């Protein structure tokens, strides 16, 4: 998993823990985690979706949720550079 992917997955895990609910604004969280780069956010979300770390029912990953695999990846990477 790339550093950008870890940054995004950690941001999603934080949003989920802070009461964002199960359905998260994936694309917005990803773009914010990547300095506002929406194109990079879309590529990272596609990779995370393909890897089974996020799931979405919408085109363009507008909203969705972390999978158990995504939560595990975020927990394992927490606190690492």
N, C-alpha and C. Protein backbone atom coordinates (compact mmCIF):
# COMPACT_ATOMS: atom_id res chain seq x y z
N UNK A 1 0.86 -1.17 0.00
CA UNK A 1 0.00 0.00 0.00
C UNK A 1 0.91 1.24 0.00
N UNK A 2 0.54 2.21 -0.80
CA UNK A 2 1.35 3.42 -0.92
C UNK A 2 1.17 4.34 0.28
N UNK A 3 2.12 5.25 0.50
CA UNK A 3 1.95 6.22 1.59
C UNK A 3 0.67 7.05 1.42
N UNK A 4 0.31 7.40 0.20
CA UNK A 4 -0.93 8.15 -0.02
C UNK A 4 -2.14 7.32 0.39
N UNK A 5 -2.12 6.04 0.08
CA UNK A 5 -3.23 5.17 0.45
C UNK A 5 -3.34 5.06 1.97
N UNK A 6 -2.20 4.93 2.65
CA UNK A 6 -2.24 4.88 4.11
C UNK A 6 -2.78 6.19 4.69
N UNK A 7 -2.39 7.31 4.11
CA UNK A 7 -2.87 8.60 4.58
C UNK A 7 -4.40 8.67 4.46
N UNK A 8 -4.91 8.21 3.33
CA UNK A 8 -6.36 8.24 3.09
C UNK A 8 -7.08 7.29 4.03
N UNK A 9 -6.59 6.08 4.16
CA UNK A 9 -7.26 5.08 5.00
C UNK A 9 -7.26 5.53 6.46
N UNK A 10 -6.18 6.14 6.92
CA UNK A 10 -6.15 6.65 8.29
C UNK A 10 -7.15 7.79 8.48
N UNK A 11 -7.25 8.68 7.49
CA UNK A 11 -8.22 9.78 7.58
C UNK A 11 -9.64 9.24 7.64
N UNK A 12 -9.92 8.20 6.88
CA UNK A 12 -11.26 7.59 6.91
C UNK A 12 -11.53 6.93 8.26
N UNK A 13 -10.53 6.24 8.79
CA UNK A 13 -10.71 5.60 10.10
C UNK A 13 -10.97 6.65 11.17
N UNK A 14 -10.24 7.77 11.12
CA UNK A 14 -10.48 8.84 12.09
C UNK A 14 -11.89 9.40 11.95
N UNK A 15 -12.32 9.62 10.73
CA UNK A 15 -13.67 10.15 10.50
C UNK A 15 -14.72 9.20 11.05
N UNK A 16 -14.51 7.93 10.84
CA UNK A 16 -15.44 6.92 11.34
C UNK A 16 -15.47 6.94 12.87
N UNK A 17 -14.30 7.00 13.50
CA UNK A 17 -14.23 7.01 14.97
C UNK A 17 -14.80 8.29 15.57
N UNK A 18 -14.67 9.40 14.85
CA UNK A 18 -15.16 10.68 15.37
C UNK A 18 -16.65 10.88 15.15
N UNK A 19 -17.34 9.82 14.82
CA UNK A 19 -18.79 9.91 14.71
C UNK A 19 -19.30 10.22 13.33
N UNK A 20 -18.46 10.00 12.33
CA UNK A 20 -18.89 10.23 10.95
C UNK A 20 -19.89 9.20 10.47
N UNK A 21 -20.09 8.16 11.25
CA UNK A 21 -21.02 7.12 10.85
C UNK A 21 -20.35 6.09 9.96
N UNK A 22 -21.13 5.11 9.54
CA UNK A 22 -20.57 4.07 8.69
C UNK A 22 -20.40 4.55 7.25
N UNK A 23 -21.36 5.32 6.75
CA UNK A 23 -21.26 5.84 5.39
C UNK A 23 -20.52 7.17 5.46
N UNK A 24 -19.38 7.21 4.78
CA UNK A 24 -18.49 8.37 4.83
C UNK A 24 -18.41 9.04 3.46
N UNK A 25 -18.12 10.32 3.44
CA UNK A 25 -17.87 11.01 2.16
C UNK A 25 -16.45 10.69 1.68
N UNK A 26 -16.29 9.52 1.08
CA UNK A 26 -14.97 9.00 0.75
C UNK A 26 -14.13 9.98 -0.07
N UNK A 27 -14.71 10.49 -1.13
CA UNK A 27 -13.92 11.34 -2.02
C UNK A 27 -13.48 12.62 -1.32
N UNK A 28 -14.35 13.21 -0.52
CA UNK A 28 -14.00 14.44 0.20
C UNK A 28 -12.88 14.17 1.20
N UNK A 29 -13.01 13.09 1.96
CA UNK A 29 -11.98 12.74 2.94
C UNK A 29 -10.65 12.48 2.25
N UNK A 30 -10.69 11.72 1.16
CA UNK A 30 -9.46 11.40 0.44
C UNK A 30 -8.80 12.66 -0.11
N UNK A 31 -9.59 13.52 -0.72
CA UNK A 31 -9.02 14.75 -1.28
C UNK A 31 -8.41 15.62 -0.19
N UNK A 32 -9.09 15.76 0.93
CA UNK A 32 -8.54 16.55 2.04
C UNK A 32 -7.25 15.94 2.57
N UNK A 33 -7.20 14.61 2.68
CA UNK A 33 -6.00 13.94 3.18
C UNK A 33 -4.82 14.09 2.22
N UNK A 34 -5.13 14.36 0.95
CA UNK A 34 -4.09 14.47 -0.07
C UNK A 34 -3.90 15.91 -0.53
N UNK A 35 -4.17 16.85 0.35
CA UNK A 35 -3.91 18.26 0.06
C UNK A 35 -4.82 18.86 -0.99
N UNK A 36 -6.02 18.32 -1.14
CA UNK A 36 -6.98 18.88 -2.07
C UNK A 36 -6.87 18.34 -3.50
N UNK A 37 -6.03 17.36 -3.73
CA UNK A 37 -5.81 16.81 -5.06
C UNK A 37 -6.89 15.76 -5.37
N UNK A 38 -7.95 16.19 -6.04
CA UNK A 38 -9.07 15.31 -6.35
C UNK A 38 -8.72 14.19 -7.31
N UNK A 39 -7.84 14.46 -8.27
CA UNK A 39 -7.44 13.42 -9.23
C UNK A 39 -6.66 12.31 -8.52
N UNK A 40 -5.73 12.70 -7.66
CA UNK A 40 -4.98 11.72 -6.90
C UNK A 40 -5.91 10.95 -5.96
N UNK A 41 -6.85 11.65 -5.35
CA UNK A 41 -7.82 11.00 -4.46
C UNK A 41 -8.59 9.92 -5.20
N UNK A 42 -9.02 10.20 -6.42
CA UNK A 42 -9.77 9.21 -7.20
C UNK A 42 -8.91 7.99 -7.50
N UNK A 43 -7.64 8.21 -7.84
CA UNK A 43 -6.75 7.07 -8.12
C UNK A 43 -6.51 6.24 -6.86
N UNK A 44 -6.29 6.91 -5.74
CA UNK A 44 -6.06 6.18 -4.48
C UNK A 44 -7.31 5.41 -4.08
N UNK A 45 -8.48 6.02 -4.22
CA UNK A 45 -9.72 5.33 -3.87
C UNK A 45 -9.95 4.12 -4.78
N UNK A 46 -9.61 4.25 -6.04
CA UNK A 46 -9.75 3.11 -6.96
C UNK A 46 -8.85 1.96 -6.50
N UNK A 47 -7.62 2.29 -6.11
CA UNK A 47 -6.70 1.27 -5.62
C UNK A 47 -7.20 0.63 -4.33
N UNK A 48 -7.70 1.46 -3.41
CA UNK A 48 -8.22 0.94 -2.14
C UNK A 48 -9.45 0.07 -2.36
N UNK A 49 -10.29 0.45 -3.31
CA UNK A 49 -11.47 -0.33 -3.65
C UNK A 49 -11.05 -1.68 -4.25
N UNK A 50 -10.11 -1.64 -5.16
CA UNK A 50 -9.62 -2.87 -5.79
C UNK A 50 -8.97 -3.80 -4.76
N UNK A 51 -8.31 -3.20 -3.78
CA UNK A 51 -7.63 -3.97 -2.73
C UNK A 51 -8.60 -4.47 -1.66
N UNK A 52 -9.85 -4.02 -1.70
CA UNK A 52 -10.85 -4.47 -0.74
C UNK A 52 -10.86 -3.71 0.57
N UNK A 53 -10.26 -2.50 0.59
CA UNK A 53 -10.19 -1.72 1.82
C UNK A 53 -11.36 -0.76 1.99
N UNK A 54 -12.00 -0.37 0.89
CA UNK A 54 -13.18 0.48 0.94
C UNK A 54 -14.25 -0.12 0.04
N UNK A 55 -15.48 0.26 0.28
CA UNK A 55 -16.59 -0.17 -0.56
C UNK A 55 -17.51 1.02 -0.78
N UNK A 56 -18.03 1.12 -1.97
CA UNK A 56 -18.95 2.20 -2.30
C UNK A 56 -20.05 1.68 -3.20
N UNK A 57 -21.21 2.32 -3.10
CA UNK A 57 -22.32 2.00 -3.99
C UNK A 57 -22.52 3.11 -5.02
N UNK A 58 -21.63 4.09 -5.02
CA UNK A 58 -21.80 5.25 -5.90
C UNK A 58 -20.66 5.33 -6.91
N UNK A 59 -20.93 5.93 -8.04
CA UNK A 59 -19.90 6.18 -9.04
C UNK A 59 -18.94 7.23 -8.50
N UNK A 60 -17.67 7.04 -8.74
CA UNK A 60 -16.69 8.04 -8.34
C UNK A 60 -16.36 8.06 -6.86
N UNK A 61 -16.76 7.04 -6.14
CA UNK A 61 -16.44 6.93 -4.71
C UNK A 61 -16.88 8.15 -3.91
N UNK A 62 -18.04 8.69 -4.23
CA UNK A 62 -18.54 9.85 -3.50
C UNK A 62 -18.80 9.51 -2.04
N UNK A 63 -19.36 8.34 -1.80
CA UNK A 63 -19.61 7.92 -0.42
C UNK A 63 -19.43 6.41 -0.33
N UNK A 64 -19.20 5.96 0.88
CA UNK A 64 -19.00 4.54 1.09
C UNK A 64 -18.47 4.29 2.49
N UNK A 65 -17.78 3.18 2.67
CA UNK A 65 -17.32 2.83 4.01
C UNK A 65 -16.04 2.02 3.94
N UNK A 66 -15.36 2.00 5.07
CA UNK A 66 -14.19 1.14 5.23
C UNK A 66 -14.67 -0.28 5.42
N UNK A 67 -13.97 -1.20 4.85
CA UNK A 67 -14.24 -2.62 5.08
C UNK A 67 -13.44 -3.06 6.30
N UNK A 68 -13.71 -4.24 6.82
CA UNK A 68 -12.87 -4.74 7.92
C UNK A 68 -11.39 -4.75 7.55
N UNK A 69 -11.06 -5.07 6.30
CA UNK A 69 -9.67 -5.06 5.85
C UNK A 69 -9.11 -3.64 5.93
N UNK A 70 -9.90 -2.65 5.55
CA UNK A 70 -9.46 -1.25 5.61
C UNK A 70 -9.24 -0.79 7.04
N UNK A 71 -10.13 -1.18 7.94
CA UNK A 71 -9.97 -0.82 9.35
C UNK A 71 -8.71 -1.46 9.93
N UNK A 72 -8.46 -2.70 9.58
CA UNK A 72 -7.26 -3.39 10.05
C UNK A 72 -6.00 -2.70 9.53
N UNK A 73 -6.00 -2.34 8.26
CA UNK A 73 -4.84 -1.66 7.67
C UNK A 73 -4.59 -0.33 8.37
N UNK A 74 -5.64 0.42 8.67
CA UNK A 74 -5.49 1.70 9.36
C UNK A 74 -4.94 1.48 10.77
N UNK A 75 -5.45 0.48 11.46
CA UNK A 75 -5.00 0.21 12.83
C UNK A 75 -3.54 -0.23 12.86
N UNK A 76 -3.15 -1.05 11.90
CA UNK A 76 -1.78 -1.54 11.86
C UNK A 76 -0.79 -0.44 11.51
N UNK A 77 -1.24 0.54 10.73
CA UNK A 77 -0.35 1.61 10.29
C UNK A 77 -0.36 2.79 11.25
N UNK A 78 -1.31 2.86 12.15
CA UNK A 78 -1.43 4.01 13.06
C UNK A 78 -0.13 4.25 13.81
N UNK A 79 0.30 5.50 13.79
CA UNK A 79 1.48 5.89 14.52
C UNK A 79 2.79 5.63 13.81
N UNK A 80 2.73 5.04 12.62
CA UNK A 80 3.96 4.82 11.85
C UNK A 80 4.18 5.98 10.91
N UNK A 81 5.44 6.32 10.60
CA UNK A 81 5.71 7.43 9.67
C UNK A 81 5.30 7.09 8.26
